[in-house]
Amino acid sequence: MNSLTKLRNKNKEGKFVCVGLDTDFQKLPSHIQLLKNPVYEFNKQIINATITNAAAYKINFAFYEKDGPEGMEILKRTIELIPSDILIIGDAKRGDIGNTSEMYAKTIFEYYKCDASTLHPYMGGDSIKPFLRYDEKLNFILALTSNPGAADFEKLELKDGSPLFLKVIEKVNEWNVLSNCGIVFGATNINELKKSIPMFNNLPVLLPGVGAQGGSIEEVIRAFKEHNRYDLLINMSRGIIYKSNNIDFAEAASAELVKMNEIVKNIIDE
């Protein structure tokens, strides 16, 4: 099953929330910190508790790379916990000259066996192409991100008066020959999102920024509903995995995920 099909299958089941495994030892419940392999055990319990209702999992490589070989082994073992019908996004935000990108793509898709990557486009098409050769995979390319610094470059106006991020979306549509491109669009940019959705065409969308960063899941879903578009993933990390810092943390994560899916379903059914 290719990666786009995995995403669409979960969306058809009414599952739109991607669980972000940005696991930080300092934020783990105290009883988990005492275990021999706390990050892995935390991830395992979160996955087991959310697996029925998650649309996808996004694993931020930085939270594992910082611990060297041990952290990367935890990353690999975490990925192996996730069933093959659920999309796994390797969130590494790669993008470099062609031969370097080829090695990054091999790492994410062949070694870690992720279903999708995140990429930044600012070195141009040749930095993206090595990833796009994996026609069964998905590549979420940064268009407009959820952080305040997005205004530094992504929202700069070009000579024709349009913002740079719209040119990125235009280019990603051009690159989407094999239907294996998507975009990242921050949920904190709701006004820009409402205006931009018609330009997304067939691109699936990964939306960070809901929850701790201030984005509204209700506003996001209503914006997509207006255009009858539902190929999307709303990423939530801290708002789900750290919902509780007590012994019930996995149950609390599961309950929050169910709640978010219910919010989405109710809006779609309105």
C-alpha atoms as a PDB file:
ATOM      1  CA  MET A   1       0.000   0.000   0.000  1.00  0.00           C
ATOM      2  CA  ASN A   2       1.495   3.349  -0.969  1.00  0.00           C
ATOM      3  CA  SER A   3       1.727   6.216   1.473  1.00  0.00           C
ATOM      4  CA  LEU A   4      -0.969   8.423  -0.050  1.00  0.00           C
ATOM      5  CA  THR A   5      -3.423   5.518   0.127  1.00  0.00           C
ATOM      6  CA  LYS A   6      -2.603   5.032   3.812  1.00  0.00           C
ATOM      7  CA  LEU A   7      -3.390   8.690   4.501  1.00  0.00           C
ATOM      8  CA  ARG A   8      -6.623   8.651   2.514  1.00  0.00           C
ATOM      9  CA  ASN A   9      -7.796   5.411   4.100  1.00  0.00           C
ATOM     10  CA  LYS A  10      -7.486   6.906   7.579  1.00  0.00           C
ATOM     11  CA  ASN A  11      -9.229  10.103   6.465  1.00  0.00           C
ATOM     12  CA  LYS A  12     -12.109   8.001   5.112  1.00  0.00           C
ATOM     13  CA  GLU A  13     -12.345   6.386   8.557  1.00  0.00           C
ATOM     14  CA  GLY A  14     -12.767   9.856  10.071  1.00  0.00           C
ATOM     15  CA  LYS A  15      -9.223  10.000  11.439  1.00  0.00           C
ATOM     16  CA  PHE A  16      -7.391  13.255  10.803  1.00  0.00           C
ATOM     17  CA  VAL A  17      -5.063  13.694  13.781  1.00  0.00           C
ATOM     18  CA  CYS A  18      -1.380  12.838  13.471  1.00  0.00           C
ATOM     19  CA  VAL A  19       0.316  12.056  16.776  1.00  0.00           C
ATOM     20  CA  GLY A  20       3.700  13.739  17.042  1.00  0.00           C
ATOM     21  CA  LEU A  21       6.289  11.729  18.956  1.00  0.00           C
ATOM     22  CA  ASP A  22       8.527  14.632  19.960  1.00  0.00           C
ATOM     23  CA  THR A  23       9.531  12.749  23.055  1.00  0.00           C
ATOM     24  CA  ASP A  24      11.597  14.722  25.585  1.00  0.00           C
ATOM     25  CA  PHE A  25      13.000  12.884  28.606  1.00  0.00           C
ATOM     26  CA  GLN A  26      12.598  15.989  30.782  1.00  0.00           C
ATOM     27  CA  LYS A  27       8.834  15.988  30.159  1.00  0.00           C
ATOM     28  CA  LEU A  28       8.196  12.321  30.872  1.00  0.00           C
ATOM     29  CA  PRO A  29       6.227  11.237  33.946  1.00  0.00           C
ATOM     30  CA  SER A  30       8.563  10.609  36.868  1.00  0.00           C
ATOM     31  CA  HIS A  31       7.739   6.903  37.064  1.00  0.00           C
ATOM     32  CA  ILE A  32       8.713   6.485  33.398  1.00  0.00           C
ATOM     33  CA  GLN A  33      11.999   8.362  33.888  1.00  0.00           C
ATOM     34  CA  LEU A  34      13.064   5.646  36.340  1.00  0.00           C
ATOM     35  CA  LEU A  35      12.831   2.872  33.749  1.00  0.00           C
ATOM     36  CA  LYS A  36      15.832   1.421  31.923  1.00  0.00           C
ATOM     37  CA  ASN A  37      14.757   2.774  28.518  1.00  0.00           C
ATOM     38  CA  PRO A  38      12.303   5.574  29.365  1.00  0.00           C
ATOM     39  CA  VAL A  39      11.853   7.220  25.959  1.00  0.00           C
ATOM     40  CA  TYR A  40      11.154   3.924  24.218  1.00  0.00           C
ATOM     41  CA  GLU A  41       8.793   2.749  26.970  1.00  0.00           C
ATOM     42  CA  PHE A  42       6.932   6.057  26.866  1.00  0.00           C
ATOM     43  CA  ASN A  43       6.592   5.865  23.064  1.00  0.00           C
ATOM     44  CA  LYS A  44       5.428   2.261  23.284  1.00  0.00           C
ATOM     45  CA  GLN A  45       2.674   3.072  25.741  1.00  0.00           C
ATOM     46  CA  ILE A  46       1.567   6.150  23.777  1.00  0.00           C
ATOM     47  CA  ILE A  47       1.422   4.173  20.523  1.00  0.00           C
ATOM     48  CA  ASN A  48      -0.441   1.263  22.113  1.00  0.00           C
ATOM     49  CA  ALA A  49      -2.992   3.672  23.585  1.00  0.00           C
ATOM     50  CA  THR A  50      -3.550   5.733  20.415  1.00  0.00           C
ATOM     51  CA  ILE A  51      -3.084   3.201  17.651  1.00  0.00           C
ATOM     52  CA  THR A  52      -6.801   2.641  17.076  1.00  0.00           C
ATOM     53  CA  ASN A  53      -7.570   6.308  16.448  1.00  0.00           C
ATOM     54  CA  ALA A  54      -4.378   7.850  15.050  1.00  0.00           C
ATOM     55  CA  ALA A  55      -4.353   8.924  11.414  1.00  0.00           C
ATOM     56  CA  ALA A  56      -0.540   8.930  11.392  1.00  0.00           C
ATOM     57  CA  TYR A  57       2.538   9.289  13.565  1.00  0.00           C
ATOM     58  CA  LYS A  58       5.160  11.993  13.020  1.00  0.00           C
ATOM     59  CA  ILE A  59       8.549  11.325  14.550  1.00  0.00           C
ATOM     60  CA  ASN A  60      10.788  14.352  14.954  1.00  0.00           C
ATOM     61  CA  PHE A  61      14.318  13.093  14.327  1.00  0.00           C
ATOM     62  CA  ALA A  62      15.926  15.871  16.392  1.00  0.00           C
ATOM     63  CA  PHE A  63      14.552  14.463  19.647  1.00  0.00           C
ATOM     64  CA  TYR A  64      16.424  11.206  18.975  1.00  0.00           C
ATOM     65  CA  GLU A  65      19.523  12.338  17.070  1.00  0.00           C
ATOM     66  CA  LYS A  66      20.674  14.383  20.062  1.00  0.00           C
ATOM     67  CA  ASP A  67      21.381  11.132  21.946  1.00  0.00           C
ATOM     68  CA  GLY A  68      23.631   9.704  19.241  1.00  0.00           C
ATOM     69  CA  PRO A  69      23.539   5.990  18.346  1.00  0.00           C
ATOM     70  CA  GLU A  70      21.374   5.123  21.347  1.00  0.00           C
ATOM     71  CA  GLY A  71      18.767   7.717  20.376  1.00  0.00           C
ATOM     72  CA  MET A  72      18.735   6.594  16.756  1.00  0.00           C
ATOM     73  CA  GLU A  73      18.213   3.002  17.863  1.00  0.00           C
ATOM     74  CA  ILE A  74      15.211   4.144  19.926  1.00  0.00           C
ATOM     75  CA  LEU A  75      13.912   5.949  16.833  1.00  0.00           C
ATOM     76  CA  LYS A  76      14.200   2.775  14.748  1.00  0.00           C
ATOM     77  CA  ARG A  77      12.572   0.597  17.415  1.00  0.00           C
ATOM     78  CA  THR A  78       9.758   3.126  17.841  1.00  0.00           C
ATOM     79  CA  ILE A  79       9.017   3.025  14.120  1.00  0.00           C
ATOM     80  CA  GLU A  80       8.844  -0.777  14.279  1.00  0.00           C
ATOM     81  CA  LEU A  81       6.011  -0.521  16.833  1.00  0.00           C
ATOM     82  CA  ILE A  82       3.684   1.155  14.323  1.00  0.00           C
ATOM     83  CA  PRO A  83       1.500  -1.106  12.119  1.00  0.00           C
ATOM     84  CA  SER A  84       2.064  -1.028   8.376  1.00  0.00           C
ATOM     85  CA  ASP A  85      -1.362   0.497   7.615  1.00  0.00           C
ATOM     86  CA  ILE A  86      -0.605   3.707   9.550  1.00  0.00           C
ATOM     87  CA  LEU A  87       1.440   6.475   7.916  1.00  0.00           C
ATOM     88  CA  ILE A  88       4.826   7.137   9.550  1.00  0.00           C
ATOM     89  CA  ILE A  89       6.286  10.573   8.864  1.00  0.00           C
ATOM     90  CA  GLY A  90      10.037  10.970   9.319  1.00  0.00           C
ATOM     91  CA  ASP A  91      10.147  14.615  10.348  1.00  0.00           C
ATOM     92  CA  ALA A  92      13.737  15.544   9.523  1.00  0.00           C
ATOM     93  CA  LYS A  93      13.155  18.612   7.289  1.00  0.00           C
ATOM     94  CA  ARG A  94      15.827  17.689   4.776  1.00  0.00           C
ATOM     95  CA  GLY A  95      16.784  19.494   1.569  1.00  0.00           C
ATOM     96  CA  ASP A  96      20.318  19.751   0.173  1.00  0.00           C
ATOM     97  CA  ILE A  97      22.245  19.379  -3.085  1.00  0.00           C
ATOM     98  CA  GLY A  98      21.252  16.337  -5.110  1.00  0.00           C
ATOM     99  CA  ASN A  99      23.790  13.718  -4.021  1.00  0.00           C
ATOM    100  CA  THR A 100      23.394  14.694  -0.356  1.00  0.00           C
ATOM    101  CA  SER A 101      19.605  14.557  -0.615  1.00  0.00           C
ATOM    102  CA  GLU A 102      19.915  11.122  -2.178  1.00  0.00           C
ATOM    103  CA  MET A 103      21.658   9.889   0.975  1.00  0.00           C
ATOM    104  CA  TYR A 104      19.073  11.567   3.216  1.00  0.00           C
ATOM    105  CA  ALA A 105      16.276   9.902   1.235  1.00  0.00           C
ATOM    106  CA  LYS A 106      17.923   6.489   1.572  1.00  0.00           C
ATOM    107  CA  THR A 107      18.204   7.023   5.323  1.00  0.00           C
ATOM    108  CA  ILE A 108      14.569   8.004   5.853  1.00  0.00           C
ATOM    109  CA  PHE A 109      12.927   5.647   3.384  1.00  0.00           C
ATOM    110  CA  GLU A 110      15.233   2.617   3.240  1.00  0.00           C
ATOM    111  CA  TYR A 111      16.947   2.418   6.624  1.00  0.00           C
ATOM    112  CA  TYR A 112      14.190   3.769   8.882  1.00  0.00           C
ATOM    113  CA  LYS A 113      11.434   2.675   6.483  1.00  0.00           C
ATOM    114  CA  CYS A 114       9.306   5.767   7.022  1.00  0.00           C
ATOM    115  CA  ASP A 115       6.341   6.329   4.717  1.00  0.00           C
ATOM    116  CA  ALA A 116       6.858  10.072   4.383  1.00  0.00           C
ATOM    117  CA  SER A 117       9.411  12.828   4.861  1.00  0.00           C
ATOM    118  CA  THR A 118       9.351  16.537   5.557  1.00  0.00           C
ATOM    119  CA  LEU A 119      11.446  18.720   3.253  1.00  0.00           C
ATOM    120  CA  HIS A 120      12.341  22.365   2.879  1.00  0.00           C
ATOM    121  CA  PRO A 121      12.328  23.648  -0.715  1.00  0.00           C
ATOM    122  CA  TYR A 122      14.664  26.619  -0.622  1.00  0.00           C
ATOM    123  CA  MET A 123      17.533  24.946  -2.506  1.00  0.00           C
ATOM    124  CA  GLY A 124      15.171  24.226  -5.390  1.00  0.00           C
ATOM    125  CA  GLY A 125      13.904  21.266  -7.360  1.00  0.00           C
ATOM    126  CA  ASP A 126      17.183  19.341  -7.614  1.00  0.00           C
ATOM    127  CA  SER A 127      17.295  19.118  -3.803  1.00  0.00           C
ATOM    128  CA  ILE A 128      13.811  17.574  -3.752  1.00  0.00           C
ATOM    129  CA  LYS A 129      14.022  15.153  -6.693  1.00  0.00           C
ATOM    130  CA  PRO A 130      15.946  12.356  -4.912  1.00  0.00           C
ATOM    131  CA  PHE A 131      13.006  12.022  -2.523  1.00  0.00           C
ATOM    132  CA  LEU A 132      10.428  12.159  -5.300  1.00  0.00           C
ATOM    133  CA  ARG A 133      12.017   9.152  -7.019  1.00  0.00           C
ATOM    134  CA  TYR A 134      10.442   7.051  -4.261  1.00  0.00           C
ATOM    135  CA  ASP A 135       7.064   7.014  -5.943  1.00  0.00           C
ATOM    136  CA  GLU A 136       5.334   5.004  -3.187  1.00  0.00           C
ATOM    137  CA  LYS A 137       6.324   7.503  -0.492  1.00  0.00           C
ATOM    138  CA  LEU A 138       5.012  10.966   0.453  1.00  0.00           C
ATOM    139  CA  ASN A 139       6.973  14.178   0.844  1.00  0.00           C
ATOM    140  CA  PHE A 140       5.523  17.070   2.832  1.00  0.00           C
ATOM    141  CA  ILE A 141       7.274  20.217   1.630  1.00  0.00           C
ATOM    142  CA  LEU A 142       7.334  23.313   3.821  1.00  0.00           C
ATOM    143  CA  ALA A 143       5.101  26.063   2.436  1.00  0.00           C
ATOM    144  CA  LEU A 144       3.997  28.210   5.378  1.00  0.00           C
ATOM    145  CA  THR A 145       5.118  27.058   8.812  1.00  0.00           C
ATOM    146  CA  SER A 146       3.555  27.655  12.221  1.00  0.00           C
ATOM    147  CA  ASN A 147       6.465  29.434  13.919  1.00  0.00           C
ATOM    148  CA  PRO A 148       6.693  33.252  14.298  1.00  0.00           C
ATOM    149  CA  GLY A 149       9.810  33.337  12.109  1.00  0.00           C
ATOM    150  CA  ALA A 150       7.714  32.273   9.108  1.00  0.00           C
ATOM    151  CA  ALA A 151       7.312  35.993   8.473  1.00  0.00           C
ATOM    152  CA  ASP A 152      11.054  36.410   7.878  1.00  0.00           C
ATOM    153  CA  PHE A 153      11.020  34.711   4.489  1.00  0.00           C
ATOM    154  CA  GLU A 154       7.882  32.666   3.802  1.00  0.00           C
ATOM    155  CA  LYS A 155       5.544  35.659   3.845  1.00  0.00           C
ATOM    156  CA  LEU A 156       7.798  38.032   1.890  1.00  0.00           C
ATOM    157  CA  GLU A 157       6.037  39.628  -1.063  1.00  0.00           C
ATOM    158  CA  LEU A 158       7.367  38.953  -4.556  1.00  0.00           C
ATOM    159  CA  LYS A 159       7.307  41.483  -7.385  1.00  0.00           C
ATOM    160  CA  ASP A 160       3.777  40.458  -8.365  1.00  0.00           C
ATOM    161  CA  GLY A 161       2.564  41.123  -4.814  1.00  0.00           C
ATOM    162  CA  SER A 162       2.057  37.479  -3.871  1.00  0.00           C
ATOM    163  CA  PRO A 163       3.827  35.941  -0.862  1.00  0.00           C
ATOM    164  CA  LEU A 164       6.744  33.580  -1.350  1.00  0.00           C
ATOM    165  CA  PHE A 165       4.901  30.628   0.195  1.00  0.00           C
ATOM    166  CA  LEU A 166       2.365  30.692  -2.652  1.00  0.00           C
ATOM    167  CA  LYS A 167       5.200  30.339  -5.161  1.00  0.00           C
ATOM    168  CA  VAL A 168       6.371  27.312  -3.175  1.00  0.00           C
ATOM    169  CA  ILE A 169       2.892  25.762  -3.412  1.00  0.00           C
ATOM    170  CA  GLU A 170       2.842  26.450  -7.142  1.00  0.00           C
ATOM    171  CA  LYS A 171       6.199  24.699  -7.540  1.00  0.00           C
ATOM    172  CA  VAL A 172       5.148  21.721  -5.428  1.00  0.00           C
ATOM    173  CA  ASN A 173       2.145  21.254  -7.711  1.00  0.00           C
ATOM    174  CA  GLU A 174       4.575  21.161 -10.652  1.00  0.00           C
ATOM    175  CA  TRP A 175       6.752  18.589  -8.882  1.00  0.00           C
ATOM    176  CA  ASN A 176       3.760  16.374  -8.031  1.00  0.00           C
ATOM    177  CA  VAL A 177       4.009  14.313 -11.225  1.00  0.00           C
ATOM    178  CA  LEU A 178       3.958  11.005  -9.323  1.00  0.00           C
ATOM    179  CA  SER A 179       1.328  12.116  -6.785  1.00  0.00           C
ATOM    180  CA  ASN A 180       3.848  11.834  -3.956  1.00  0.00           C
ATOM    181  CA  CYS A 181       4.057  15.466  -2.862  1.00  0.00           C
ATOM    182  CA  GLY A 182       2.242  17.234  -0.078  1.00  0.00           C
ATOM    183  CA  ILE A 183       2.754  20.487   1.775  1.00  0.00           C
ATOM    184  CA  VAL A 184       3.205  21.682   5.326  1.00  0.00           C
ATOM    185  CA  PHE A 185       0.939  24.600   6.208  1.00  0.00           C
ATOM    186  CA  GLY A 186       0.856  25.958   9.747  1.00  0.00           C
ATOM    187  CA  ALA A 187      -2.540  25.944  11.449  1.00  0.00           C
ATOM    188  CA  THR A 188      -1.581  29.204  13.166  1.00  0.00           C
ATOM    189  CA  ASN A 189      -1.939  30.977   9.796  1.00  0.00           C
ATOM    190  CA  ILE A 190      -5.695  30.593   9.496  1.00  0.00           C
ATOM    191  CA  ASN A 191      -6.318  33.651   7.292  1.00  0.00           C
ATOM    192  CA  GLU A 192      -3.624  32.617   4.827  1.00  0.00           C
ATOM    193  CA  LEU A 193      -4.943  29.049   4.920  1.00  0.00           C
ATOM    194  CA  LYS A 194      -8.465  30.079   3.962  1.00  0.00           C
ATOM    195  CA  LYS A 195      -7.151  32.057   0.976  1.00  0.00           C
ATOM    196  CA  SER A 196      -4.681  29.385  -0.158  1.00  0.00           C
ATOM    197  CA  ILE A 197      -6.710  26.156  -0.104  1.00  0.00           C
ATOM    198  CA  PRO A 198      -7.861  26.545  -3.748  1.00  0.00           C
ATOM    199  CA  MET A 199      -4.180  26.433  -4.777  1.00  0.00           C
ATOM    200  CA  PHE A 200      -3.525  23.132  -3.013  1.00  0.00           C
ATOM    201  CA  ASN A 201      -5.180  21.132  -5.789  1.00  0.00           C
ATOM    202  CA  ASN A 202      -4.502  17.432  -5.053  1.00  0.00           C
ATOM    203  CA  LEU A 203      -1.749  17.985  -2.507  1.00  0.00           C
ATOM    204  CA  PRO A 204      -2.323  16.399   0.914  1.00  0.00           C
ATOM    205  CA  VAL A 205      -1.634  18.818   3.749  1.00  0.00           C
ATOM    206  CA  LEU A 206       0.196  18.380   7.046  1.00  0.00           C
ATOM    207  CA  LEU A 207      -0.917  21.041   9.523  1.00  0.00           C
ATOM    208  CA  PRO A 208       1.238  21.645  12.607  1.00  0.00           C
ATOM    209  CA  GLY A 209       0.451  24.328  15.168  1.00  0.00           C
ATOM    210  CA  VAL A 210      -2.829  23.124  16.711  1.00  0.00           C
ATOM    211  CA  GLY A 211      -2.878  23.056  20.493  1.00  0.00           C
ATOM    212  CA  ALA A 212       0.242  24.285  22.272  1.00  0.00           C
ATOM    213  CA  GLN A 213       1.113  26.719  19.457  1.00  0.00           C
ATOM    214  CA  GLY A 214      -2.354  28.236  19.410  1.00  0.00           C
ATOM    215  CA  GLY A 215      -3.935  26.930  16.202  1.00  0.00           C
ATOM    216  CA  SER A 216      -7.626  25.997  16.262  1.00  0.00           C
ATOM    217  CA  ILE A 217      -8.667  22.569  15.007  1.00  0.00           C
ATOM    218  CA  GLU A 218     -12.228  23.855  14.518  1.00  0.00           C
ATOM    219  CA  GLU A 219     -11.125  26.737  12.282  1.00  0.00           C
ATOM    220  CA  VAL A 220      -8.868  24.477  10.229  1.00  0.00           C
ATOM    221  CA  ILE A 221     -11.538  21.863   9.535  1.00  0.00           C
ATOM    222  CA  ARG A 222     -14.176  24.463   8.691  1.00  0.00           C
ATOM    223  CA  ALA A 223     -11.766  26.069   6.221  1.00  0.00           C
ATOM    224  CA  PHE A 224     -11.218  22.746   4.436  1.00  0.00           C
ATOM    225  CA  LYS A 225     -14.898  21.809   4.613  1.00  0.00           C
ATOM    226  CA  GLU A 226     -15.797  24.996   2.757  1.00  0.00           C
ATOM    227  CA  HIS A 227     -13.813  23.626  -0.194  1.00  0.00           C
ATOM    228  CA  ASN A 228     -14.924  20.001   0.309  1.00  0.00           C
ATOM    229  CA  ARG A 229     -11.297  18.935   0.869  1.00  0.00           C
ATOM    230  CA  TYR A 230     -10.221  16.331   3.407  1.00  0.00           C
ATOM    231  CA  ASP A 231      -6.788  14.966   2.441  1.00  0.00           C
ATOM    232  CA  LEU A 232      -5.140  16.328   5.555  1.00  0.00           C
ATOM    233  CA  LEU A 233      -3.365  15.578   8.795  1.00  0.00           C
ATOM    234  CA  ILE A 234      -3.566  17.809  11.838  1.00  0.00           C
ATOM    235  CA  ASN A 235      -0.414  17.243  13.824  1.00  0.00           C
ATOM    236  CA  MET A 236      -0.587  17.354  17.598  1.00  0.00           C
ATOM    237  CA  SER A 237       2.427  16.541  19.735  1.00  0.00           C
ATOM    238  CA  ARG A 238       2.559  18.114  23.193  1.00  0.00           C
ATOM    239  CA  GLY A 239      -1.224  18.502  23.351  1.00  0.00           C
ATOM    240  CA  ILE A 240      -1.636  14.718  23.185  1.00  0.00           C
ATOM    241  CA  ILE A 241       1.457  12.933  24.467  1.00  0.00           C
ATOM    242  CA  TYR A 242       1.858  15.215  27.502  1.00  0.00           C
ATOM    243  CA  LYS A 243      -1.831  15.579  28.291  1.00  0.00           C
ATOM    244  CA  SER A 244      -1.097  14.024  31.674  1.00  0.00           C
ATOM    245  CA  ASN A 245       2.174  13.743  33.575  1.00  0.00           C
ATOM    246  CA  ASN A 246       0.882  11.025  35.889  1.00  0.00           C
ATOM    247  CA  ILE A 247       0.552   7.266  35.730  1.00  0.00           C
ATOM    248  CA  ASP A 248      -2.504   7.667  33.462  1.00  0.00           C
ATOM    249  CA  PHE A 249      -0.556   9.515  30.734  1.00  0.00           C
ATOM    250  CA  ALA A 250      -1.296   6.943  28.001  1.00  0.00           C
ATOM    251  CA  GLU A 251      -5.018   6.858  28.784  1.00  0.00           C
ATOM    252  CA  ALA A 252      -5.109  10.660  28.836  1.00  0.00           C
ATOM    253  CA  ALA A 253      -3.400  10.778  25.428  1.00  0.00           C
ATOM    254  CA  SER A 254      -5.917   8.319  24.031  1.00  0.00           C
ATOM    255  CA  ALA A 255      -8.851  10.307  25.410  1.00  0.00           C
ATOM    256  CA  GLU A 256      -7.528  13.562  23.946  1.00  0.00           C
ATOM    257  CA  LEU A 257      -7.061  11.964  20.536  1.00  0.00           C
ATOM    258  CA  VAL A 258     -10.616  10.596  20.597  1.00  0.00           C
ATOM    259  CA  LYS A 259     -11.856  14.046  21.579  1.00  0.00           C
ATOM    260  CA  MET A 260     -10.031  15.701  18.669  1.00  0.00           C
ATOM    261  CA  ASN A 261     -11.400  13.168  16.181  1.00  0.00           C
ATOM    262  CA  GLU A 262     -14.905  13.774  17.532  1.00  0.00           C
ATOM    263  CA  ILE A 263     -14.509  17.531  17.050  1.00  0.00           C
ATOM    264  CA  VAL A 264     -13.509  16.946  13.430  1.00  0.00           C
ATOM    265  CA  LYS A 265     -16.337  14.477  12.788  1.00  0.00           C
ATOM    266  CA  ASN A 266     -18.952  16.810  14.291  1.00  0.00           C
ATOM    267  CA  ILE A 267     -17.839  19.704  12.104  1.00  0.00           C
ATOM    268  CA  ILE A 268     -17.819  17.581   8.953  1.00  0.00           C
ATOM    269  CA  ASP A 269     -21.313  16.281   9.801  1.00  0.00           C
ATOM    270  CA  GLU A 270     -22.767  19.738  10.515  1.00  0.00           C
END
